Amino acid sequence: MLTIVELFYDFVISTLVGLFGLHLITKKGMLASKFLGLYFLIFCFRIITAYFATGGRLIQYPQLCNLQSPIHFLAPPVGLLFIYFMLYPQRKWQLWQTLLFIPFVLHTAELLPFFFGPLENKVKQVELIMQSKSLIKFKSDVMYFSPQVMAILKVIFTTLNAIASFLLVLHFIRKNSYKRSFVINWLLAYTSLSLLSIVFIIAYVMGIIGFNNLQFSYADLLMNLAAFLNVGVVLYRPALLDTMTFQSLVDRLQPEQRHPEPDEDAEKLKKYEGFAQRLEEYFVAQKPFLQGEASLDSTAKMVGISARELSRTTQYIYELNYPDFVNSWRINYIVKQRKQHESWRAMSQELLAEQAGFGSRQGLHNAINKLHNITPAAFFAQKDAE
């Protein structure tokens, strides 16, 4: 009989993160959002396969034996690259990033004969697992290394990626003199919890917690603290699932676009982030910037704050005055439409300006030149190539 926690974890959380992942993967957007989507899909897959590996269900579904094993080599680099492209969205794919996936590819390759082999082999493997009452300390000749050695290799690989992610965030903060912001706090908390989760993973592999790992254990939850944080962040700010909002937040991290206030403090940050969330939700739902209905006073009225507080919010959270904030949404809207619709690529700059709410080609030119220090033609050519 499943407990309430098990039901919630195995079915509600898995469905939620699966939907998040599919949404981010299928929508055209930044590499960072793609890796976050893949991260969610991997988490969903791990929950589902863990469900079938525990509670005696592995006997009924021997076809799923060892199916989760390669994923332990896939999740760490995906998490690292999510961090990397959040901090450096303009950088291109490099060779070292491809090399991160070699352990996953090699481990998957060695398991392919087992996956596509006779069912009898899987049944024998399940019997060995059930006899040892462990998913780690059973005898197996399916893999080159024993399951226990393989578990240690997975822990080492996960630890190295987690440390690299944490140091990457720390280096970015120190280099750019960051104090507090929503995204920085998110990435710092995520990487910190990734390191903390490793403590529980090591304890699990050593048998200190989760003594009988053929049953559901709260250790499963402790080992996924960082993943739960990402789920919580998206639930707290669902506008992150929108391409323009995600890109707007990531773009604001770049040193050349951010000028932090010297008096940043936690209370002020909390207040303005609350206003920013309401502002983003309004822009995502209503898209007032397209119809010329995005004046400071009208938006403040719709969001439910004063014009003065709205102006302070865009300056404090996005380091943009309000007109530039609106123009950034218009620009991102054009970029998104050009990626999704071929007809938008054929539009003249006059028509693009009209469709996005600029009103004139000069307005579009001035906005892109001010925010990105480049001409519209060069800017869109660059974005089309990404």
Protein backbone atom coordinates (compact mmCIF):
# COMPACT_ATOMS: atom_id res chain seq x y z
CA MET A 1 0.00 0.00 0.00
CA LEU A 2 1.48 3.30 -1.07
CA THR A 3 1.71 6.11 1.47
CA ILE A 4 0.54 9.66 0.76
CA VAL A 5 4.16 10.76 0.32
CA GLU A 6 4.84 7.95 -2.17
CA LEU A 7 1.70 8.72 -4.16
CA PHE A 8 2.58 12.41 -4.29
CA TYR A 9 6.21 11.73 -5.24
CA ASP A 10 5.62 8.93 -7.76
CA PHE A 11 2.62 10.37 -9.56
CA VAL A 12 2.07 14.08 -8.85
CA ILE A 13 5.69 15.25 -8.85
CA SER A 14 6.66 13.00 -11.78
CA THR A 15 3.76 14.29 -13.89
CA LEU A 16 4.50 17.89 -12.98
CA VAL A 17 8.22 17.79 -13.81
CA GLY A 18 7.50 15.80 -16.96
CA LEU A 19 5.15 18.50 -18.21
CA PHE A 20 7.64 21.23 -17.26
CA GLY A 21 10.37 19.39 -19.15
CA LEU A 22 8.32 18.80 -22.30
CA HIS A 23 7.22 22.43 -22.35
CA LEU A 24 10.76 23.79 -22.10
CA ILE A 25 12.22 21.29 -24.56
CA THR A 26 9.60 21.79 -27.25
CA LYS A 27 9.52 25.60 -27.12
CA LYS A 28 12.21 27.38 -29.06
CA GLY A 29 14.44 29.24 -26.67
CA MET A 30 17.83 29.51 -25.04
CA LEU A 31 20.15 26.57 -24.41
CA ALA A 32 19.75 27.17 -20.68
CA SER A 33 15.98 26.62 -20.87
CA LYS A 34 16.52 23.49 -23.00
CA PHE A 35 18.89 22.02 -20.42
CA LEU A 36 16.46 22.88 -17.62
CA GLY A 37 13.75 21.08 -19.60
CA LEU A 38 16.01 18.05 -20.11
CA TYR A 39 16.86 18.17 -16.40
CA PHE A 40 13.15 17.94 -15.55
CA LEU A 41 12.60 15.07 -17.99
CA ILE A 42 15.51 13.14 -16.47
CA PHE A 43 14.09 13.73 -12.99
CA CYS A 44 10.70 12.47 -14.18
CA PHE A 45 12.33 9.37 -15.71
CA ARG A 46 14.24 8.66 -12.49
CA ILE A 47 11.08 8.85 -10.39
CA ILE A 48 9.16 6.50 -12.71
CA THR A 49 11.95 3.93 -13.01
CA ALA A 50 12.55 4.07 -9.24
CA TYR A 51 8.86 3.33 -8.72
CA PHE A 52 9.11 0.14 -10.81
CA ALA A 53 12.37 -0.88 -9.12
CA THR A 54 10.89 -0.80 -5.60
CA GLY A 55 8.00 -2.38 -3.74
CA GLY A 56 8.50 -5.76 -5.43
CA ARG A 57 7.47 -4.37 -8.82
CA LEU A 58 10.82 -5.22 -10.41
CA ILE A 59 9.78 -8.90 -10.41
CA GLN A 60 6.72 -8.01 -12.46
CA TYR A 61 8.64 -5.75 -14.85
CA PRO A 62 12.10 -7.30 -15.36
CA GLN A 63 12.31 -5.47 -18.72
CA LEU A 64 13.04 -2.29 -16.73
CA CYS A 65 16.04 -3.74 -14.93
CA ASN A 66 19.14 -1.50 -15.14
CA LEU A 67 17.21 1.01 -17.25
CA GLN A 68 17.98 3.83 -14.83
CA SER A 69 21.69 3.09 -14.58
CA PRO A 70 22.97 5.24 -17.52
CA ILE A 71 20.83 8.19 -16.38
CA HIS A 72 23.16 8.67 -13.39
CA PHE A 73 25.85 9.63 -15.91
CA LEU A 74 23.50 11.90 -17.87
CA ALA A 75 21.94 14.03 -15.13
CA PRO A 76 25.19 15.59 -13.72
CA PRO A 77 26.47 17.15 -16.99
CA VAL A 78 22.95 18.33 -17.86
CA GLY A 79 22.82 20.15 -14.50
CA LEU A 80 26.26 21.63 -15.06
CA LEU A 81 25.43 22.85 -18.57
CA PHE A 82 22.17 24.36 -17.32
CA ILE A 83 24.25 26.47 -14.93
CA TYR A 84 26.86 27.28 -17.57
CA PHE A 85 24.41 28.54 -20.19
CA MET A 86 22.42 30.45 -17.58
CA LEU A 87 25.56 32.41 -16.73
CA TYR A 88 26.98 32.58 -20.27
CA PRO A 89 24.03 32.46 -22.70
CA GLN A 90 25.96 33.92 -25.63
CA ARG A 91 28.65 31.25 -25.68
CA LYS A 92 28.63 28.51 -28.30
CA TRP A 93 28.81 24.76 -27.81
CA GLN A 94 32.37 23.59 -27.21
CA LEU A 95 34.23 20.29 -27.36
CA TRP A 96 34.63 19.94 -23.58
CA GLN A 97 30.84 20.01 -23.22
CA THR A 98 30.51 17.05 -25.58
CA LEU A 99 33.16 15.13 -23.62
CA LEU A 100 31.00 15.37 -20.49
CA PHE A 101 28.61 12.85 -22.04
CA ILE A 102 31.21 10.18 -22.80
CA PRO A 103 30.53 8.21 -19.55
CA PHE A 104 26.81 8.17 -20.39
CA VAL A 105 27.43 7.00 -23.95
CA LEU A 106 29.91 4.28 -22.92
CA HIS A 107 27.72 2.95 -20.12
CA THR A 108 24.66 2.93 -22.37
CA ALA A 109 26.63 1.11 -25.07
CA GLU A 110 27.76 -1.65 -22.71
CA LEU A 111 24.17 -2.18 -21.53
CA LEU A 112 22.60 -2.32 -24.99
CA PRO A 113 23.16 -6.11 -25.39
CA PHE A 114 21.41 -6.59 -22.05
CA PHE A 115 18.53 -4.23 -22.89
CA PHE A 116 17.87 -5.91 -26.24
CA GLY A 117 18.82 -9.42 -25.08
CA PRO A 118 16.57 -12.27 -24.00
CA LEU A 119 14.07 -11.73 -21.21
CA GLU A 120 15.60 -14.66 -19.34
CA ASN A 121 18.78 -12.67 -18.74
CA LYS A 122 16.79 -9.86 -17.19
CA VAL A 123 14.88 -12.27 -14.97
CA LYS A 124 18.17 -13.76 -13.70
CA GLN A 125 19.46 -10.28 -12.97
CA VAL A 126 16.31 -9.44 -11.02
CA GLU A 127 16.64 -12.67 -9.02
CA LEU A 128 20.19 -11.71 -8.02
CA ILE A 129 18.97 -8.27 -6.97
CA MET A 130 16.14 -9.73 -4.89
CA GLN A 131 18.48 -12.20 -3.21
CA SER A 132 20.90 -9.48 -2.15
CA LYS A 133 18.04 -7.06 -1.32
CA SER A 134 20.06 -4.27 -2.89
CA LEU A 135 20.30 -2.37 -6.15
CA ILE A 136 23.99 -1.82 -5.48
CA LYS A 137 25.54 -4.84 -3.77
CA PHE A 138 24.41 -7.67 -6.06
CA LYS A 139 26.55 -9.82 -8.32
CA SER A 140 26.36 -9.11 -12.01
CA ASP A 141 28.38 -9.79 -15.14
CA VAL A 142 26.25 -7.52 -17.31
CA MET A 143 28.57 -4.54 -16.86
CA TYR A 144 32.34 -4.29 -17.11
CA PHE A 145 32.51 -3.11 -13.48
CA SER A 146 30.55 -4.58 -10.61
CA PRO A 147 27.39 -2.66 -9.59
CA GLN A 148 29.12 -1.49 -6.41
CA VAL A 149 32.17 -0.14 -8.28
CA MET A 150 29.85 1.42 -10.86
CA ALA A 151 27.92 3.13 -8.05
CA ILE A 152 31.17 4.60 -6.72
CA LEU A 153 32.08 5.87 -10.21
CA LYS A 154 28.66 7.50 -10.50
CA VAL A 155 29.11 9.22 -7.13
CA ILE A 156 32.55 10.53 -8.14
CA PHE A 157 31.24 11.79 -11.49
CA THR A 158 28.23 13.44 -9.84
CA THR A 159 30.43 15.05 -7.19
CA LEU A 160 32.86 16.51 -9.74
CA ASN A 161 30.01 18.02 -11.75
CA ALA A 162 28.36 19.43 -8.63
CA ILE A 163 31.60 21.01 -7.43
CA ALA A 164 32.22 22.47 -10.90
CA SER A 165 28.70 23.96 -10.94
CA PHE A 166 29.13 25.50 -7.49
CA LEU A 167 32.54 26.99 -8.34
CA LEU A 168 31.16 28.32 -11.62
CA VAL A 169 28.47 30.28 -9.78
CA LEU A 170 30.90 31.54 -7.14
CA HIS A 171 33.37 32.68 -9.81
CA PHE A 172 30.62 34.52 -11.69
CA ILE A 173 29.44 36.26 -8.52
CA ARG A 174 32.95 37.35 -7.50
CA LYS A 175 34.00 38.42 -10.97
CA ASN A 176 30.91 40.57 -11.51
CA SER A 177 30.48 41.78 -7.91
CA TYR A 178 26.97 40.39 -7.55
CA LYS A 179 25.14 40.57 -4.25
CA ARG A 180 21.53 39.44 -4.59
CA SER A 181 19.12 38.75 -7.43
CA PHE A 182 16.46 36.15 -8.10
CA VAL A 183 18.51 34.16 -10.61
CA ILE A 184 21.77 34.35 -8.66
CA ASN A 185 20.03 33.21 -5.47
CA TRP A 186 18.38 30.39 -7.43
CA LEU A 187 21.64 29.14 -8.96
CA LEU A 188 23.55 29.44 -5.69
CA ALA A 189 20.85 27.53 -3.80
CA TYR A 190 20.65 24.89 -6.55
CA THR A 191 24.39 24.23 -6.61
CA SER A 192 24.60 24.24 -2.80
CA LEU A 193 21.79 21.68 -2.52
CA SER A 194 23.46 19.59 -5.23
CA LEU A 195 26.53 19.34 -2.98
CA LEU A 196 24.38 18.56 0.06
CA SER A 197 22.54 15.85 -1.87
CA ILE A 198 25.84 14.11 -2.52
CA VAL A 199 26.25 13.58 1.22
CA PHE A 200 23.00 11.59 1.22
CA ILE A 201 23.94 9.78 -1.99
CA ILE A 202 27.22 8.63 -0.44
CA ALA A 203 25.40 7.52 2.71
CA TYR A 204 22.93 5.62 0.52
CA VAL A 205 25.67 3.85 -1.47
CA MET A 206 27.47 2.94 1.77
CA GLY A 207 24.27 1.52 3.24
CA ILE A 208 24.03 4.09 6.05
CA ILE A 209 20.57 5.21 4.92
CA GLY A 210 18.00 3.35 2.84
CA PHE A 211 19.00 -0.05 4.29
CA ASN A 212 16.61 -1.97 2.06
CA ASN A 213 16.74 -0.02 -1.16
CA LEU A 214 14.19 -2.26 -2.82
CA GLN A 215 11.57 -0.27 -0.92
CA PHE A 216 10.69 3.41 -1.07
CA SER A 217 12.87 5.42 1.29
CA TYR A 218 12.85 9.06 2.33
CA ALA A 219 16.50 8.93 1.29
CA ASP A 220 15.14 9.13 -2.26
CA LEU A 221 13.78 12.58 -1.45
CA LEU A 222 16.98 13.72 0.28
CA MET A 223 19.07 12.70 -2.71
CA ASN A 224 16.99 14.96 -4.98
CA LEU A 225 16.98 18.19 -2.96
CA ALA A 226 18.33 20.26 -5.86
CA ALA A 227 15.69 18.90 -8.22
CA PHE A 228 12.90 19.79 -5.78
CA LEU A 229 14.30 23.30 -5.55
CA ASN A 230 14.03 23.73 -9.33
CA VAL A 231 10.45 22.48 -9.25
CA GLY A 232 9.69 24.95 -6.46
CA VAL A 233 11.29 27.83 -8.38
CA VAL A 234 9.11 27.19 -11.43
CA LEU A 235 6.00 26.87 -9.26
CA TYR A 236 6.93 30.12 -7.50
CA ARG A 237 7.55 31.89 -10.79
CA PRO A 238 5.66 30.03 -13.54
CA ALA A 239 6.47 32.85 -15.98
CA LEU A 240 9.89 31.14 -16.30
CA LEU A 241 8.18 28.70 -18.64
CA ASP A 242 7.70 31.59 -21.04
CA THR A 243 10.65 32.06 -23.40
CA MET A 244 10.69 35.85 -23.19
CA THR A 245 10.59 35.95 -19.39
CA PHE A 246 13.33 33.33 -19.10
CA GLN A 247 15.55 35.14 -21.56
CA SER A 248 14.89 38.50 -19.95
CA LEU A 249 16.06 37.23 -16.55
CA VAL A 250 19.12 35.52 -18.00
CA ASP A 251 20.08 38.56 -20.07
CA ARG A 252 19.99 40.74 -16.96
CA LEU A 253 22.79 38.61 -15.49
CA GLN A 254 25.27 39.78 -18.08
CA PRO A 255 27.82 42.27 -16.64
CA GLU A 256 27.48 44.72 -19.50
CA GLN A 257 23.72 44.95 -18.92
CA ARG A 258 23.58 45.04 -15.13
CA HIS A 259 24.47 47.87 -12.79
CA PRO A 260 23.66 46.73 -9.25
CA GLU A 261 22.50 49.27 -6.70
CA PRO A 262 24.87 49.78 -3.76
CA ASP A 263 22.05 49.56 -1.21
CA GLU A 264 20.62 46.17 -2.23
CA ASP A 265 19.13 44.40 0.75
CA ALA A 266 17.01 41.32 1.36
CA GLU A 267 13.78 43.12 2.26
CA LYS A 268 13.89 45.42 -0.74
CA LEU A 269 14.73 42.49 -3.01
CA LYS A 270 11.77 40.48 -1.69
CA LYS A 271 9.34 43.36 -2.21
CA TYR A 272 10.44 44.17 -5.75
CA GLU A 273 10.64 40.53 -6.80
CA GLY A 274 6.99 40.20 -5.77
CA PHE A 275 6.12 43.19 -7.97
CA ALA A 276 8.26 41.77 -10.79
CA GLN A 277 6.41 38.47 -10.67
CA ARG A 278 3.05 40.22 -11.04
CA LEU A 279 4.47 42.35 -13.86
CA GLU A 280 5.80 39.31 -15.74
CA GLU A 281 2.53 37.41 -15.35
CA TYR A 282 0.64 40.39 -16.76
CA PHE A 283 3.02 40.75 -19.71
CA VAL A 284 2.89 37.02 -20.47
CA ALA A 285 -0.90 36.78 -20.24
CA GLN A 286 -1.98 40.07 -21.83
CA LYS A 287 1.02 41.13 -23.95
CA PRO A 288 0.15 44.83 -23.55
CA PHE A 289 3.43 45.84 -25.21
CA LEU A 290 2.03 44.73 -28.58
CA GLN A 291 -1.01 47.00 -28.57
CA GLY A 292 0.59 50.18 -27.30
CA GLU A 293 -1.18 49.73 -23.95
CA ALA A 294 1.99 49.48 -21.91
CA SER A 295 2.38 53.00 -20.56
CA LEU A 296 3.83 53.27 -17.07
CA ASP A 297 0.56 54.47 -15.54
CA SER A 298 -1.70 51.92 -17.25
CA THR A 299 0.61 49.00 -16.43
CA ALA A 300 0.97 50.11 -12.82
CA LYS A 301 -2.82 50.22 -12.53
CA MET A 302 -3.19 46.71 -14.00
CA VAL A 303 -0.44 45.29 -11.78
CA GLY A 304 -1.86 47.00 -8.70
CA ILE A 305 1.06 49.16 -7.63
CA SER A 306 1.97 52.81 -8.00
CA ALA A 307 3.76 54.10 -11.10
CA ARG A 308 6.68 55.06 -8.88
CA GLU A 309 6.98 51.52 -7.48
CA LEU A 310 6.71 50.03 -10.98
CA SER A 311 9.53 52.24 -12.21
CA ARG A 312 11.65 51.24 -9.22
CA THR A 313 10.86 47.56 -9.82
CA THR A 314 12.14 47.47 -13.39
CA GLN A 315 15.21 49.44 -12.38
CA TYR A 316 15.95 47.30 -9.34
CA ILE A 317 15.20 43.81 -10.69
CA TYR A 318 16.10 44.18 -14.37
CA GLU A 319 18.42 47.21 -14.21
CA LEU A 320 16.30 48.85 -16.91
CA ASN A 321 14.12 51.93 -16.89
CA TYR A 322 10.50 51.13 -17.65
CA PRO A 323 10.51 52.07 -21.39
CA ASP A 324 13.60 49.93 -21.96
CA PHE A 325 11.97 47.05 -20.06
CA VAL A 326 8.96 47.22 -22.38
CA ASN A 327 11.20 47.42 -25.44
CA SER A 328 13.17 44.35 -24.26
CA TRP A 329 9.90 42.37 -24.32
CA ARG A 330 9.10 43.66 -27.78
CA ILE A 331 12.54 42.68 -29.05
CA ASN A 332 12.35 39.23 -27.47
CA TYR A 333 8.88 38.80 -28.97
CA ILE A 334 10.24 39.45 -32.46
CA VAL A 335 13.14 37.03 -31.87
CA LYS A 336 10.71 34.34 -30.70
CA GLN A 337 8.36 34.83 -33.66
CA ARG A 338 11.24 34.74 -36.16
CA LYS A 339 12.35 31.41 -34.75
CA GLN A 340 8.85 29.93 -34.83
CA HIS A 341 7.47 31.38 -38.06
CA GLU A 342 9.33 31.60 -41.36
CA SER A 343 7.05 34.45 -42.51
CA TRP A 344 8.45 36.71 -39.77
CA ARG A 345 11.96 36.35 -41.19
CA ALA A 346 10.74 37.78 -44.48
CA MET A 347 9.18 40.84 -42.85
CA SER A 348 10.72 44.26 -43.30
CA GLN A 349 11.94 46.14 -40.26
CA GLU A 350 8.99 48.53 -40.62
CA LEU A 351 6.54 45.64 -40.39
CA LEU A 352 8.42 44.01 -37.52
CA ALA A 353 8.31 47.28 -35.61
CA GLU A 354 4.58 47.60 -36.22
CA GLN A 355 3.80 44.00 -35.22
CA ALA A 356 5.82 44.26 -31.99
CA GLY A 357 4.35 47.54 -30.81
CA PHE A 358 7.27 49.86 -31.63
CA GLY A 359 5.22 51.92 -34.01
CA SER A 360 8.10 52.82 -36.31
CA ARG A 361 11.30 51.45 -37.72
CA GLN A 362 13.25 54.17 -35.94
CA GLY A 363 11.79 53.08 -32.60
CA LEU A 364 12.95 49.51 -33.24
CA HIS A 365 16.39 50.70 -34.33
CA ASN A 366 16.84 52.94 -31.30
CA ALA A 367 15.73 50.21 -28.85
CA ILE A 368 18.06 47.52 -30.22
CA ASN A 369 20.95 49.93 -30.50
CA LYS A 370 20.49 51.08 -26.90
CA LEU A 371 19.95 47.64 -25.33
CA HIS A 372 22.36 45.59 -27.44
CA ASN A 373 24.66 48.18 -29.05
CA ILE A 374 24.12 46.73 -32.51
CA THR A 375 21.98 47.39 -35.58
CA PRO A 376 18.64 45.52 -35.96
CA ALA A 377 19.87 43.68 -39.07
CA ALA A 378 23.00 42.41 -37.34
CA PHE A 379 21.08 41.61 -34.14
CA PHE A 380 18.42 39.50 -35.88
CA ALA A 381 21.00 37.76 -38.06
CA GLN A 382 22.87 36.81 -34.90
CA LYS A 383 19.72 35.54 -33.19
CA ASP A 384 18.58 33.60 -36.27
CA ALA A 385 21.91 31.77 -36.30
CA GLU A 386 21.68 30.70 -32.65
